[in-house]
Amino acid sequence: MLIQGGRILDPASGRDEVADLRIEAGCVAEIGALTPRDGESVVSATGLIVTPGLIDLCVHLREPGFEAVETIRTGAEAALAGGFTAIAAMPDTDPPVDTEATVAFCRLKGEEAGAARVHPVGALTQGRRGEQLSEMGGMARAGAVAFSDEDLAVARSEVFLRALRYAGMHGRPVLTRCEDPGLRGSGVVSGGLIADLLALPAVAPGTEEIMLGRNLYFARQLGAPLHLLHLSTAESIRQVRAAKQDGVSITCSVTPHHLLFTEESIRSYESVYKYRPPLRPEADREALVAALIDGTIDAVSSDHSPVGEEEKNVEFIFATPGTGGLETTFAVLHTRLVEQGDLPLLRLIELLSTAPAQILGVPGGSLEVGAPADISCFDLQREWRVEPRYFRSRSHVTPFAQWEVRGRACHVWVGGDLRWHDYKAVR
């Protein structure tokens, strides 16, 4: 297949030029001024950008156990709609993905879906209880690309230390939230004036930063690959920046909602703005955006956390945290950060593609010759309204409902197979 006349953006090589791209045997074969061959399929990309397929390093697919909210198939199809060619599936299912068999189940269901690639993430501890290490060796053999207990941060330091060591032995990164469960308690919003005015239980100051300090200390001592998920405060960014300057081998990521919303959003008590970690003051949001630009933050993850209407349409204090995000992440960040001049387009692609590939150690994130043909084409001029009823995800809960945005995935290839074409799934 020949992708003809698109603006090729490849952060891995720094390429930004209008050219043609040929796909052969599932890989990028040539880039340049190319002539179609006899019998070769041609897709016109004139006026479009051609990028490495986006990769999301933190997605909750809910299967097995919560298929009414999301399945591996519907989540992988939602990923294609958002321009993602690969997603890392978190282990917070029922049963948790904490054995070789459950990793194999997740991987095979992803292959059967025939949509975006699904990379299983194995649980760090058995049952995600934070007490005994999981079967890391077996899960690595079965295809786990990383280990994480995700929303259940490992509170016992000796367990987390051993987990880092064993994950490093298997060449897999640990993905962890930074949250002290004891300090968080029953808090649902960031501590401060807004929490007091709304009479909502607040997350204690230091809940994120204290656990972050512990994790940075272990990373400094072991040199094991550690990725910090969903950072949300200016102080966390300051700590990470200092650690990187000291040569500590860490990476970190943030979510679109922490980049675009603040605690002011919850004044209405709308539960769609309930997240973990909670939304923060404007000064923290500004610090996150600045850290995207200076390179302190390595990646952006949608933190796609589908929930049912019955879990959200309750009082704020009782609502389940999280919302979906795969189908909106690129569009809202392009509209609110790139088009307003806060972030270069090439940097956005790096945050959503090249960096996640490097963090997870998975194929993709590059358009260099020989790289897997995981490719996305976006129409940056495409204006559309976020209508949750048209989502491919089973969950229609999003804080971006009715937003007018620009930029949408029109074609997506996975391993050279065209799986999303003219804004529709290829069957």
Protein backbone atom coordinates (compact mmCIF):
# COMPACT_ATOMS: atom_id res chain seq x y z
CA MET A 1 0.00 0.00 0.00
CA LEU A 2 1.08 3.56 -0.69
CA ILE A 3 0.11 6.49 1.54
CA GLN A 4 0.41 9.41 -0.83
CA GLY A 5 0.97 13.12 -0.26
CA GLY A 6 0.66 13.38 3.51
CA ARG A 7 2.65 15.53 5.91
CA ILE A 8 4.82 12.96 7.65
CA LEU A 9 5.54 13.74 11.30
CA ASP A 10 7.97 11.38 13.00
CA PRO A 11 9.40 12.50 16.36
CA ALA A 12 11.81 9.54 16.41
CA SER A 13 13.71 10.91 13.40
CA GLY A 14 12.62 14.56 13.59
CA ARG A 15 11.01 14.23 10.17
CA ASP A 16 8.40 16.84 9.20
CA GLU A 17 7.83 16.88 5.46
CA VAL A 18 5.26 16.21 2.78
CA ALA A 19 6.08 12.86 1.21
CA ASP A 20 4.76 9.43 0.27
CA LEU A 21 5.10 6.34 2.45
CA ARG A 22 5.09 2.74 1.22
CA ILE A 23 4.05 -0.23 3.34
CA GLU A 24 5.40 -3.70 2.52
CA ALA A 25 5.21 -6.91 4.57
CA GLY A 26 3.72 -5.03 7.52
CA CYS A 27 6.57 -2.53 7.77
CA VAL A 28 7.51 0.92 6.56
CA ALA A 29 9.41 0.24 3.33
CA GLU A 30 10.12 3.63 1.72
CA ILE A 31 9.53 7.33 2.30
CA GLY A 32 9.97 9.96 -0.39
CA ALA A 33 8.54 10.95 -3.77
CA LEU A 34 7.19 7.54 -4.77
CA THR A 35 5.34 6.29 -7.86
CA PRO A 36 2.48 3.81 -7.38
CA ARG A 37 3.29 0.32 -8.59
CA ASP A 38 0.97 -1.88 -10.63
CA GLY A 39 -1.67 -3.35 -8.37
CA GLU A 40 -0.63 -1.27 -5.38
CA SER A 41 -3.42 0.18 -3.23
CA VAL A 42 -3.16 3.95 -2.81
CA VAL A 43 -4.61 6.03 0.01
CA SER A 44 -4.53 9.77 -0.54
CA ALA A 45 -3.27 11.66 2.50
CA THR A 46 -3.22 15.10 0.91
CA GLY A 47 -3.97 17.67 3.59
CA LEU A 48 -3.53 15.09 6.35
CA ILE A 49 -0.75 14.39 8.82
CA VAL A 50 0.79 10.92 8.88
CA THR A 51 2.19 9.89 12.27
CA PRO A 52 3.40 6.83 14.11
CA GLY A 53 0.34 5.17 15.61
CA LEU A 54 -0.54 6.55 19.03
CA ILE A 55 0.17 4.33 22.03
CA ASP A 56 -1.64 4.57 25.36
CA LEU A 57 0.32 3.23 28.30
CA CYS A 58 -2.59 3.09 30.77
CA VAL A 59 -6.00 1.77 29.67
CA HIS A 60 -8.63 -0.06 31.74
CA LEU A 61 -10.44 -2.60 29.57
CA ARG A 62 -12.53 -4.16 32.39
CA GLU A 63 -12.50 -7.69 30.91
CA PRO A 64 -12.74 -10.16 32.57
CA GLY A 65 -15.29 -9.32 35.23
CA PHE A 66 -16.87 -6.04 34.14
CA GLU A 67 -17.85 -6.64 30.53
CA ALA A 68 -21.05 -4.60 30.88
CA VAL A 69 -18.82 -1.50 31.07
CA GLU A 70 -16.09 -2.41 28.55
CA THR A 71 -14.59 -5.42 26.80
CA ILE A 72 -11.20 -5.93 25.26
CA ARG A 73 -12.81 -5.75 21.82
CA THR A 74 -14.80 -2.53 22.40
CA GLY A 75 -11.82 -0.87 24.07
CA ALA A 76 -9.50 -1.82 21.21
CA GLU A 77 -12.01 -0.48 18.68
CA ALA A 78 -12.37 2.76 20.65
CA ALA A 79 -8.59 3.05 20.48
CA LEU A 80 -8.67 2.95 16.67
CA ALA A 81 -11.30 5.70 16.62
CA GLY A 82 -8.91 7.87 18.61
CA GLY A 83 -5.89 7.13 16.41
CA PHE A 84 -4.30 4.63 18.81
CA THR A 85 -2.67 1.55 17.32
CA ALA A 86 -1.65 0.03 20.67
CA ILE A 87 -2.85 0.15 24.25
CA ALA A 88 -1.46 -1.21 27.51
CA ALA A 89 -4.24 -3.00 29.38
CA MET A 90 -4.17 -2.56 33.15
CA PRO A 91 -4.67 -5.61 35.40
CA ASP A 92 -7.57 -4.27 37.51
CA THR A 93 -10.04 -6.92 36.36
CA ASP A 94 -11.88 -9.73 38.16
CA PRO A 95 -9.92 -11.91 38.48
CA PRO A 96 -6.89 -9.63 38.26
CA VAL A 97 -4.31 -10.22 35.56
CA ASP A 98 -1.73 -11.71 37.93
CA THR A 99 -0.91 -15.11 36.40
CA GLU A 100 0.54 -16.45 33.17
CA ALA A 101 -2.91 -17.73 32.17
CA THR A 102 -4.69 -14.40 32.63
CA VAL A 103 -1.99 -12.57 30.66
CA ALA A 104 -2.39 -15.10 27.85
CA PHE A 105 -6.18 -14.60 27.95
CA CYS A 106 -5.82 -10.83 27.60
CA ARG A 107 -3.30 -11.12 24.78
CA LEU A 108 -5.37 -13.66 22.80
CA LYS A 109 -8.60 -11.68 23.21
CA GLY A 110 -6.74 -8.65 21.92
CA GLU A 111 -5.57 -10.55 18.86
CA GLU A 112 -9.09 -11.84 18.22
CA ALA A 113 -10.46 -8.29 18.33
CA GLY A 114 -8.50 -7.37 15.21
CA ALA A 115 -8.32 -3.71 16.17
CA ALA A 116 -5.55 -1.90 18.08
CA ARG A 117 -2.78 -4.00 19.59
CA VAL A 118 -3.49 -4.95 23.21
CA HIS A 119 -0.41 -5.22 25.42
CA PRO A 120 -1.22 -6.87 28.77
CA VAL A 121 0.20 -5.33 31.95
CA GLY A 122 0.58 -7.88 34.72
CA ALA A 123 -0.23 -7.17 38.36
CA LEU A 124 2.74 -6.31 40.54
CA THR A 125 1.42 -8.33 43.49
CA GLN A 126 -0.93 -11.29 43.86
CA GLY A 127 -4.52 -10.15 43.69
CA ARG A 128 -3.20 -6.55 43.63
CA ARG A 129 -3.25 -6.76 47.43
CA GLY A 130 0.27 -5.40 47.90
CA GLU A 131 1.45 -8.35 49.99
CA GLN A 132 3.07 -11.08 47.86
CA LEU A 133 4.78 -10.68 44.51
CA SER A 134 2.97 -11.96 41.46
CA GLU A 135 4.21 -14.55 38.96
CA MET A 136 6.35 -12.06 37.07
CA GLY A 137 8.46 -14.59 35.18
CA GLY A 138 5.48 -16.49 33.85
CA MET A 139 3.61 -13.34 32.94
CA ALA A 140 6.64 -11.95 31.11
CA ARG A 141 6.85 -15.17 29.09
CA ALA A 142 3.14 -14.92 28.28
CA GLY A 143 3.53 -11.39 26.91
CA ALA A 144 3.17 -8.94 29.79
CA VAL A 145 4.99 -5.75 28.77
CA ALA A 146 5.04 -4.17 32.24
CA PHE A 147 3.85 -4.66 35.81
CA SER A 148 1.53 -2.49 37.87
CA ASP A 149 -1.05 -2.58 40.65
CA GLU A 150 -2.29 0.70 39.10
CA ASP A 151 -4.91 2.31 41.36
CA LEU A 152 -3.79 0.24 44.36
CA ALA A 153 -0.36 1.69 45.11
CA VAL A 154 1.86 -0.77 46.98
CA ALA A 155 2.02 0.74 50.46
CA ARG A 156 4.51 -1.74 51.96
CA SER A 157 7.92 -0.44 51.01
CA GLU A 158 9.75 -3.78 51.27
CA VAL A 159 7.25 -5.36 48.87
CA PHE A 160 7.60 -2.52 46.37
CA LEU A 161 11.39 -2.70 46.60
CA ARG A 162 11.41 -6.43 45.82
CA ALA A 163 8.92 -5.90 43.02
CA LEU A 164 11.18 -3.32 41.37
CA ARG A 165 14.11 -5.74 41.58
CA TYR A 166 12.23 -8.67 40.07
CA ALA A 167 10.64 -6.60 37.33
CA GLY A 168 14.10 -5.30 36.43
CA MET A 169 15.40 -8.86 36.23
CA HIS A 170 12.76 -9.60 33.59
CA GLY A 171 13.44 -6.39 31.70
CA ARG A 172 9.99 -4.96 32.34
CA PRO A 173 9.14 -1.51 33.70
CA VAL A 174 7.00 -0.96 36.77
CA LEU A 175 4.13 1.48 36.24
CA THR A 176 2.95 2.97 39.51
CA ARG A 177 0.68 5.64 40.87
CA CYS A 178 2.08 7.82 43.61
CA GLU A 179 -0.53 7.78 46.33
CA ASP A 180 -0.21 7.05 50.03
CA PRO A 181 -3.41 5.10 50.87
CA GLY A 182 -3.29 6.09 54.51
CA LEU A 183 -3.05 9.78 53.74
CA ARG A 184 -5.68 9.63 51.01
CA GLY A 185 -8.18 8.03 53.36
CA SER A 186 -11.73 8.79 52.24
CA GLY A 187 -10.74 11.99 50.43
CA VAL A 188 -12.39 12.65 47.08
CA VAL A 189 -11.11 16.15 46.20
CA SER A 190 -7.88 18.08 46.58
CA GLY A 191 -7.50 19.71 49.98
CA GLY A 192 -8.04 23.46 50.03
CA LEU A 193 -10.64 26.17 49.75
CA ILE A 194 -12.83 24.36 47.19
CA ALA A 195 -13.06 21.25 49.36
CA ASP A 196 -14.00 23.39 52.35
CA LEU A 197 -16.62 25.37 50.44
CA LEU A 198 -18.23 22.22 49.04
CA ALA A 199 -17.96 20.31 52.34
CA LEU A 200 -16.37 17.33 50.59
CA PRO A 201 -13.76 15.09 52.25
CA ALA A 202 -10.31 16.18 51.09
CA VAL A 203 -7.22 14.22 50.13
CA ALA A 204 -4.51 15.14 52.62
CA PRO A 205 -1.60 17.34 51.49
CA GLY A 206 1.42 15.25 50.53
CA THR A 207 -0.59 12.15 49.55
CA GLU A 208 1.08 12.15 46.13
CA GLU A 209 4.40 13.77 46.92
CA ILE A 210 5.35 11.57 49.91
CA MET A 211 4.83 8.33 47.98
CA LEU A 212 6.61 9.87 45.01
CA GLY A 213 9.61 10.59 47.22
CA ARG A 214 9.78 6.95 48.30
CA ASN A 215 9.54 5.72 44.73
CA LEU A 216 12.25 8.11 43.54
CA TYR A 217 14.55 6.92 46.34
CA PHE A 218 14.18 3.28 45.28
CA ALA A 219 14.66 4.16 41.61
CA ARG A 220 17.84 6.01 42.51
CA GLN A 221 19.18 3.03 44.48
CA LEU A 222 18.27 0.25 42.04
CA GLY A 223 18.40 1.86 38.62
CA ALA A 224 15.39 -0.29 37.68
CA PRO A 225 12.94 1.02 35.04
CA LEU A 226 10.18 2.91 36.85
CA HIS A 227 7.33 4.89 35.33
CA LEU A 228 5.24 7.28 37.43
CA LEU A 229 1.60 7.45 36.35
CA HIS A 230 -0.83 10.36 36.56
CA LEU A 231 1.27 13.01 38.28
CA SER A 232 -0.86 16.00 39.18
CA THR A 233 0.94 18.61 41.30
CA ALA A 234 3.63 21.23 40.80
CA GLU A 235 5.61 19.79 43.72
CA SER A 236 5.63 16.34 42.09
CA ILE A 237 6.98 17.90 38.91
CA ARG A 238 9.67 19.69 40.90
CA GLN A 239 10.77 16.41 42.51
CA VAL A 240 10.85 14.55 39.20
CA ARG A 241 12.77 17.35 37.48
CA ALA A 242 15.40 17.33 40.24
CA ALA A 243 15.70 13.54 40.14
CA LYS A 244 16.20 13.53 36.37
CA GLN A 245 18.88 16.20 36.69
CA ASP A 246 20.61 13.87 39.16
CA GLY A 247 20.56 11.08 36.57
CA VAL A 248 17.80 8.93 38.08
CA SER A 249 16.32 6.64 35.42
CA ILE A 250 12.60 7.41 35.63
CA THR A 251 9.80 8.43 33.32
CA CYS A 252 6.40 9.94 34.09
CA SER A 253 3.08 10.73 32.49
CA VAL A 254 -0.01 12.88 32.98
CA THR A 255 -3.63 12.72 31.83
CA PRO A 256 -5.62 15.05 29.58
CA HIS A 257 -8.05 15.90 32.38
CA HIS A 258 -5.28 17.14 34.65
CA LEU A 259 -3.94 19.23 31.76
CA LEU A 260 -7.30 20.78 30.88
CA PHE A 261 -9.37 20.98 34.08
CA THR A 262 -8.88 22.31 37.59
CA GLU A 263 -10.66 21.86 40.90
CA GLU A 264 -12.92 24.76 39.89
CA SER A 265 -14.76 22.25 37.68
CA ILE A 266 -16.22 20.45 40.69
CA ARG A 267 -18.05 23.50 42.03
CA SER A 268 -21.13 22.12 40.26
CA TYR A 269 -20.75 18.77 42.09
CA GLU A 270 -20.78 17.06 38.69
CA SER A 271 -19.31 13.61 39.28
CA VAL A 272 -17.88 13.47 35.74
CA TYR A 273 -15.01 15.52 37.19
CA LYS A 274 -14.20 13.01 39.91
CA TYR A 275 -10.78 11.46 39.32
CA ARG A 276 -7.89 9.83 41.14
CA PRO A 277 -5.75 11.77 41.74
CA PRO A 278 -8.27 14.60 42.10
CA LEU A 279 -8.26 17.71 39.95
CA ARG A 280 -5.88 20.36 41.30
CA PRO A 281 -5.63 24.18 41.44
CA GLU A 282 -4.71 26.21 38.35
CA ALA A 283 -1.07 26.61 39.47
CA ASP A 284 -0.63 22.84 39.34
CA ARG A 285 -2.25 22.59 35.91
CA GLU A 286 0.07 25.29 34.60
CA ALA A 287 3.09 23.44 36.03
CA LEU A 288 2.03 20.27 34.19
CA VAL A 289 1.74 22.08 30.85
CA ALA A 290 5.14 23.70 31.35
CA ALA A 291 6.63 20.28 32.11
CA LEU A 292 5.27 18.92 28.83
CA ILE A 293 7.24 21.56 26.99
CA ASP A 294 10.54 21.31 28.89
CA GLY A 295 10.59 17.49 28.73
CA THR A 296 10.13 16.74 32.44
CA ILE A 297 6.93 14.89 31.57
CA ASP A 298 7.64 12.08 29.13
CA ALA A 299 4.20 10.97 27.99
CA VAL A 300 0.46 11.54 28.11
CA SER A 301 -1.98 8.72 28.83
CA SER A 302 -5.74 8.91 28.40
CA ASP A 303 -6.20 6.83 31.57
CA HIS A 304 -9.25 5.40 29.79
CA SER A 305 -11.37 4.32 32.76
CA PRO A 306 -14.84 3.46 31.46
CA VAL A 307 -17.63 3.51 34.03
CA GLY A 308 -21.35 2.91 33.79
CA GLU A 309 -23.98 5.63 34.01
CA GLU A 310 -25.24 4.16 37.27
CA GLU A 311 -21.75 4.52 38.76
CA LYS A 312 -21.52 8.20 37.83
CA ASN A 313 -25.07 9.49 38.16
CA VAL A 314 -24.94 9.54 41.94
CA GLU A 315 -23.79 12.03 44.55
CA PHE A 316 -20.21 13.18 43.99
CA ILE A 317 -18.90 11.53 47.14
CA PHE A 318 -20.26 8.11 46.09
CA ALA A 319 -19.43 8.24 42.37
CA THR A 320 -16.77 5.97 40.87
CA PRO A 321 -13.68 7.96 39.79
CA GLY A 322 -12.68 8.09 36.14
CA THR A 323 -14.11 8.45 32.65
CA GLY A 324 -13.35 7.16 29.17
CA GLY A 325 -10.72 8.90 27.07
CA LEU A 326 -9.37 6.95 24.10
CA GLU A 327 -11.64 8.57 21.53
CA THR A 328 -11.12 12.15 22.68
CA THR A 329 -7.51 12.47 23.89
CA PHE A 330 -5.85 13.55 20.64
CA ALA A 331 -8.65 15.91 19.62
CA VAL A 332 -8.97 17.77 22.91
CA LEU A 333 -5.21 18.16 23.36
CA HIS A 334 -4.76 19.29 19.77
CA THR A 335 -7.59 21.79 20.12
CA ARG A 336 -6.75 23.19 23.55
CA LEU A 337 -2.93 23.00 23.59
CA VAL A 338 -1.57 22.82 20.04
CA GLU A 339 -3.97 25.20 18.30
CA GLN A 340 -3.66 27.73 21.11
CA GLY A 341 0.12 27.71 20.77
CA ASP A 342 0.99 26.07 24.10
CA LEU A 343 2.49 22.88 22.60
CA PRO A 344 4.15 22.06 19.25
CA LEU A 345 2.34 19.44 17.21
CA LEU A 346 5.45 17.25 16.85
CA ARG A 347 5.84 17.28 20.64
CA LEU A 348 2.23 16.13 21.09
CA ILE A 349 2.88 13.17 18.78
CA GLU A 350 6.01 12.34 20.76
CA LEU A 351 4.07 12.39 24.04
CA LEU A 352 1.35 10.13 22.63
CA SER A 353 3.42 7.76 20.49
CA THR A 354 7.22 7.71 20.49
CA ALA A 355 7.70 8.09 24.23
CA PRO A 356 5.09 5.49 25.28
CA ALA A 357 6.67 2.96 22.88
CA GLN A 358 10.06 3.54 24.47
CA ILE A 359 8.70 3.39 28.03
CA LEU A 360 6.89 0.10 27.44
CA GLY A 361 9.55 -1.37 25.18
CA VAL A 362 7.00 -2.25 22.51
CA PRO A 363 7.11 -1.94 18.71
CA GLY A 364 5.91 1.32 17.19
CA GLY A 365 6.40 5.00 17.84
CA SER A 366 8.47 5.48 14.69
CA LEU A 367 8.09 5.81 10.93
CA GLU A 368 11.68 4.94 10.10
CA VAL A 369 12.22 2.41 7.33
CA GLY A 370 11.87 -1.09 8.77
CA ALA A 371 9.61 -0.03 11.62
CA PRO A 372 6.25 -1.78 12.03
CA ALA A 373 3.59 -0.10 9.91
CA ASP A 374 1.54 1.09 12.87
CA ILE A 375 0.45 4.38 11.34
CA SER A 376 -2.26 6.97 11.94
CA CYS A 377 -3.54 9.68 9.61
CA PHE A 378 -5.27 12.69 11.15
CA ASP A 379 -7.28 15.43 9.54
CA LEU A 380 -6.38 18.46 11.66
CA GLN A 381 -9.04 20.57 9.96
CA ARG A 382 -11.85 18.17 10.74
CA GLU A 383 -14.26 19.92 13.12
CA TRP A 384 -16.53 17.72 15.16
CA ARG A 385 -18.64 17.70 18.28
CA VAL A 386 -17.96 15.10 20.97
CA GLU A 387 -21.15 13.05 21.00
CA PRO A 388 -20.78 10.21 23.53
CA ARG A 389 -23.67 8.23 22.02
CA TYR A 390 -21.47 7.56 18.99
CA PHE A 391 -18.51 6.24 21.01
CA ARG A 392 -17.18 2.78 20.18
CA SER A 393 -16.54 2.30 23.88
CA ARG A 394 -19.42 0.85 25.87
CA SER A 395 -19.05 3.71 28.33
CA HIS A 396 -20.39 7.09 27.25
CA VAL A 397 -19.22 8.99 30.32
CA THR A 398 -16.85 11.85 29.43
CA PRO A 399 -16.17 15.39 30.64
CA PHE A 400 -15.77 16.47 27.01
CA ALA A 401 -19.37 15.87 25.93
CA GLN A 402 -20.54 18.50 23.42
CA TRP A 403 -17.07 20.04 23.09
CA GLU A 404 -16.35 21.46 19.64
CA VAL A 405 -12.91 20.13 18.68
CA ARG A 406 -10.63 19.93 15.64
CA GLY A 407 -8.53 16.95 14.58
CA ARG A 408 -9.67 13.38 14.05
CA ALA A 409 -8.18 10.05 12.99
CA CYS A 410 -9.36 9.18 9.49
CA HIS A 411 -7.09 6.20 8.62
CA VAL A 412 -5.23 3.80 10.93
CA TRP A 413 -2.95 0.90 10.02
CA VAL A 414 -1.83 -1.80 12.47
CA GLY A 415 1.02 -4.01 11.26
CA GLY A 416 0.31 -2.81 7.71
CA ASP A 417 -3.40 -3.76 7.89
CA LEU A 418 -5.83 -0.90 7.29
CA ARG A 419 -8.18 -1.16 10.27
CA TRP A 420 -9.77 2.30 10.32
CA HIS A 421 -10.65 4.02 7.04
CA ASP A 422 -12.65 7.17 6.34
CA TYR A 423 -13.64 7.39 10.02
CA LYS A 424 -15.03 3.85 10.10
CA ALA A 425 -13.75 0.46 11.26
CA VAL A 426 -12.63 -1.87 8.46
CA ARG A 427 -14.42 -5.19 8.78
